[in-house]
Amino acid sequence: MDLNTIFFGGLAIASLAIFFYLGKFKASKKQTDRDDRISWSKGAFNYRSCLTIALGIFLLFFFLSYLGLS
């Protein structure tokens, strides 16, 4: 195990610890109960179309790497 592995592994563990520690805190009522909130119930994108596009992009890169054009 070299120094890079130890350094970046420690950095990743410290980042996760800070992320989960800060995730405990909740926004105040002033931030959560606003009149101009975004309505997340009506999505701008359809999930099926997003999945289809993602599958198409994946297949494009897969076939390009299969043909050796990467």
N, C-alpha and C. Protein backbone atom coordinates (compact mmCIF):
# COMPACT_ATOMS: atom_id res chain seq x y z
N MET A 1 0.85 -1.16 0.00
CA MET A 1 0.00 0.00 0.00
C MET A 1 0.90 1.23 0.00
N ASP A 2 0.71 2.10 -0.98
CA ASP A 2 1.56 3.27 -1.07
C ASP A 2 0.91 4.49 -0.42
N LEU A 3 1.62 5.59 -0.45
CA LEU A 3 1.17 6.80 0.22
C LEU A 3 -0.08 7.39 -0.44
N ASN A 4 -0.21 7.27 -1.77
CA ASN A 4 -1.40 7.78 -2.45
C ASN A 4 -2.66 7.06 -1.98
N THR A 5 -2.59 5.75 -1.83
CA THR A 5 -3.75 4.99 -1.38
C THR A 5 -4.15 5.40 0.03
N ILE A 6 -3.19 5.55 0.89
CA ILE A 6 -3.48 5.95 2.26
C ILE A 6 -4.07 7.36 2.29
N PHE A 7 -3.48 8.29 1.53
CA PHE A 7 -3.95 9.68 1.55
C PHE A 7 -5.36 9.80 1.00
N PHE A 8 -5.60 9.25 -0.20
CA PHE A 8 -6.92 9.42 -0.82
C PHE A 8 -7.98 8.55 -0.14
N GLY A 9 -7.59 7.43 0.43
CA GLY A 9 -8.53 6.64 1.23
C GLY A 9 -8.95 7.40 2.47
N GLY A 10 -7.97 8.01 3.14
CA GLY A 10 -8.29 8.83 4.31
C GLY A 10 -9.14 10.03 3.96
N LEU A 11 -8.85 10.64 2.82
CA LEU A 11 -9.65 11.78 2.37
C LEU A 11 -11.09 11.37 2.08
N ALA A 12 -11.27 10.20 1.48
CA ALA A 12 -12.63 9.71 1.19
C ALA A 12 -13.39 9.41 2.47
N ILE A 13 -12.73 8.78 3.43
CA ILE A 13 -13.38 8.46 4.70
C ILE A 13 -13.73 9.74 5.47
N ALA A 14 -12.83 10.71 5.47
CA ALA A 14 -13.10 11.99 6.15
C ALA A 14 -14.26 12.72 5.47
N SER A 15 -14.31 12.68 4.14
CA SER A 15 -15.40 13.35 3.42
C SER A 15 -16.74 12.71 3.74
N LEU A 16 -16.79 11.38 3.78
CA LEU A 16 -18.04 10.69 4.12
C LEU A 16 -18.46 11.01 5.56
N ALA A 17 -17.50 11.05 6.47
CA ALA A 17 -17.82 11.37 7.86
C ALA A 17 -18.40 12.78 7.98
N ILE A 18 -17.80 13.73 7.30
CA ILE A 18 -18.31 15.11 7.34
C ILE A 18 -19.68 15.19 6.69
N PHE A 19 -19.87 14.48 5.57
CA PHE A 19 -21.17 14.49 4.88
C PHE A 19 -22.27 13.94 5.78
N PHE A 20 -22.03 12.80 6.43
CA PHE A 20 -23.06 12.21 7.28
C PHE A 20 -23.26 13.02 8.56
N TYR A 21 -22.23 13.67 9.06
CA TYR A 21 -22.40 14.53 10.23
C TYR A 21 -23.27 15.73 9.90
N LEU A 22 -23.01 16.37 8.76
CA LEU A 22 -23.79 17.55 8.38
C LEU A 22 -25.20 17.16 7.91
N GLY A 23 -25.39 15.90 7.53
CA GLY A 23 -26.71 15.45 7.10
C GLY A 23 -27.71 15.34 8.23
N LYS A 24 -27.26 15.41 9.46
CA LYS A 24 -28.17 15.33 10.61
C LYS A 24 -28.98 16.61 10.79
N PHE A 25 -28.47 17.71 10.30
CA PHE A 25 -29.11 18.99 10.54
C PHE A 25 -30.25 19.22 9.56
N LYS A 26 -31.37 19.75 10.05
CA LYS A 26 -32.55 19.99 9.23
C LYS A 26 -32.71 21.48 8.98
N ALA A 27 -33.28 21.78 7.83
CA ALA A 27 -33.52 23.19 7.49
C ALA A 27 -34.58 23.77 8.43
N SER A 28 -34.54 25.08 8.58
CA SER A 28 -35.48 25.75 9.47
C SER A 28 -36.87 25.82 8.83
N LYS A 29 -37.87 26.13 9.64
CA LYS A 29 -39.24 26.26 9.13
C LYS A 29 -39.34 27.39 8.11
N LYS A 30 -38.55 28.43 8.27
CA LYS A 30 -38.57 29.54 7.32
C LYS A 30 -38.13 29.06 5.93
N GLN A 31 -37.21 28.12 5.89
CA GLN A 31 -36.74 27.60 4.61
C GLN A 31 -37.68 26.56 4.01
N THR A 32 -38.33 25.76 4.85
CA THR A 32 -39.16 24.67 4.33
C THR A 32 -40.59 25.10 4.01
N ASP A 33 -41.15 26.05 4.74
CA ASP A 33 -42.54 26.47 4.52
C ASP A 33 -42.57 27.82 3.82
N ARG A 34 -42.25 27.79 2.52
CA ARG A 34 -42.26 29.02 1.73
C ARG A 34 -43.43 29.01 0.76
N ASP A 35 -43.82 30.18 0.31
CA ASP A 35 -44.92 30.28 -0.65
C ASP A 35 -44.48 29.96 -2.07
N ASP A 36 -43.22 30.22 -2.39
CA ASP A 36 -42.74 30.05 -3.77
C ASP A 36 -41.92 28.76 -3.93
N ARG A 37 -42.36 27.69 -3.29
CA ARG A 37 -41.64 26.42 -3.39
C ARG A 37 -41.83 25.80 -4.77
N ILE A 38 -40.84 25.02 -5.19
CA ILE A 38 -40.93 24.28 -6.44
C ILE A 38 -41.83 23.08 -6.23
N SER A 39 -42.75 22.85 -7.15
CA SER A 39 -43.62 21.69 -7.07
C SER A 39 -42.91 20.49 -7.70
N TRP A 40 -42.41 19.59 -6.88
CA TRP A 40 -41.67 18.44 -7.38
C TRP A 40 -42.61 17.32 -7.81
N SER A 41 -43.91 17.46 -7.57
CA SER A 41 -44.84 16.39 -7.94
C SER A 41 -45.02 16.30 -9.45
N LYS A 42 -44.93 17.42 -10.16
CA LYS A 42 -45.03 17.37 -11.62
C LYS A 42 -43.62 17.55 -12.18
N GLY A 43 -43.07 16.47 -12.69
CA GLY A 43 -41.70 16.49 -13.18
C GLY A 43 -41.61 17.09 -14.57
N ALA A 44 -40.47 17.69 -14.86
CA ALA A 44 -40.24 18.26 -16.18
C ALA A 44 -39.86 17.18 -17.18
N PHE A 45 -39.30 16.06 -16.68
CA PHE A 45 -38.87 14.99 -17.56
C PHE A 45 -39.59 13.70 -17.19
N ASN A 46 -39.87 12.92 -18.19
CA ASN A 46 -40.45 11.62 -17.98
C ASN A 46 -39.33 10.63 -17.68
N TYR A 47 -39.52 9.77 -16.69
CA TYR A 47 -38.48 8.82 -16.32
C TYR A 47 -38.17 7.85 -17.45
N ARG A 48 -39.17 7.44 -18.18
CA ARG A 48 -38.96 6.50 -19.27
C ARG A 48 -38.09 7.11 -20.36
N SER A 49 -38.30 8.38 -20.68
CA SER A 49 -37.48 9.02 -21.71
C SER A 49 -36.04 9.20 -21.22
N CYS A 50 -35.86 9.53 -19.94
CA CYS A 50 -34.51 9.67 -19.40
C CYS A 50 -33.78 8.33 -19.42
N LEU A 51 -34.47 7.26 -19.06
CA LEU A 51 -33.84 5.94 -19.09
C LEU A 51 -33.51 5.52 -20.51
N THR A 52 -34.38 5.84 -21.47
CA THR A 52 -34.13 5.49 -22.86
C THR A 52 -32.90 6.23 -23.39
N ILE A 53 -32.79 7.50 -23.08
CA ILE A 53 -31.63 8.29 -23.53
C ILE A 53 -30.36 7.76 -22.88
N ALA A 54 -30.41 7.45 -21.57
CA ALA A 54 -29.24 6.92 -20.88
C ALA A 54 -28.82 5.57 -21.47
N LEU A 55 -29.77 4.72 -21.79
CA LEU A 55 -29.46 3.43 -22.40
C LEU A 55 -28.85 3.62 -23.78
N GLY A 56 -29.37 4.57 -24.55
CA GLY A 56 -28.82 4.85 -25.87
C GLY A 56 -27.38 5.34 -25.80
N ILE A 57 -27.10 6.23 -24.86
CA ILE A 57 -25.73 6.75 -24.70
C ILE A 57 -24.80 5.63 -24.25
N PHE A 58 -25.27 4.78 -23.33
CA PHE A 58 -24.46 3.65 -22.89
C PHE A 58 -24.15 2.71 -24.05
N LEU A 59 -25.16 2.38 -24.84
CA LEU A 59 -24.93 1.48 -25.97
C LEU A 59 -24.00 2.10 -27.01
N LEU A 60 -24.11 3.40 -27.23
CA LEU A 60 -23.22 4.08 -28.16
C LEU A 60 -21.77 3.94 -27.72
N PHE A 61 -21.48 4.23 -26.44
CA PHE A 61 -20.12 4.10 -25.94
C PHE A 61 -19.67 2.65 -25.92
N PHE A 62 -20.59 1.73 -25.63
CA PHE A 62 -20.23 0.32 -25.62
C PHE A 62 -19.80 -0.15 -27.00
N PHE A 63 -20.58 0.20 -28.02
CA PHE A 63 -20.24 -0.24 -29.36
C PHE A 63 -19.00 0.47 -29.90
N LEU A 64 -18.81 1.72 -29.53
CA LEU A 64 -17.59 2.41 -29.95
C LEU A 64 -16.35 1.78 -29.31
N SER A 65 -16.46 1.39 -28.05
CA SER A 65 -15.31 0.73 -27.43
C SER A 65 -15.14 -0.69 -27.98
N TYR A 66 -16.22 -1.32 -28.36
CA TYR A 66 -16.13 -2.67 -28.95
C TYR A 66 -15.43 -2.62 -30.31
N LEU A 67 -15.70 -1.55 -31.05
CA LEU A 67 -15.06 -1.39 -32.36
C LEU A 67 -13.65 -0.82 -32.26
N GLY A 68 -13.28 -0.35 -31.10
CA GLY A 68 -11.94 0.18 -30.90
C GLY A 68 -11.81 1.65 -31.29
N LEU A 69 -12.91 2.40 -31.26
CA LEU A 69 -12.88 3.80 -31.66
C LEU A 69 -12.88 4.74 -30.45
N SER A 70 -12.48 4.28 -29.31
CA SER A 70 -12.54 5.13 -28.13
C SER A 70 -11.39 6.12 -28.07
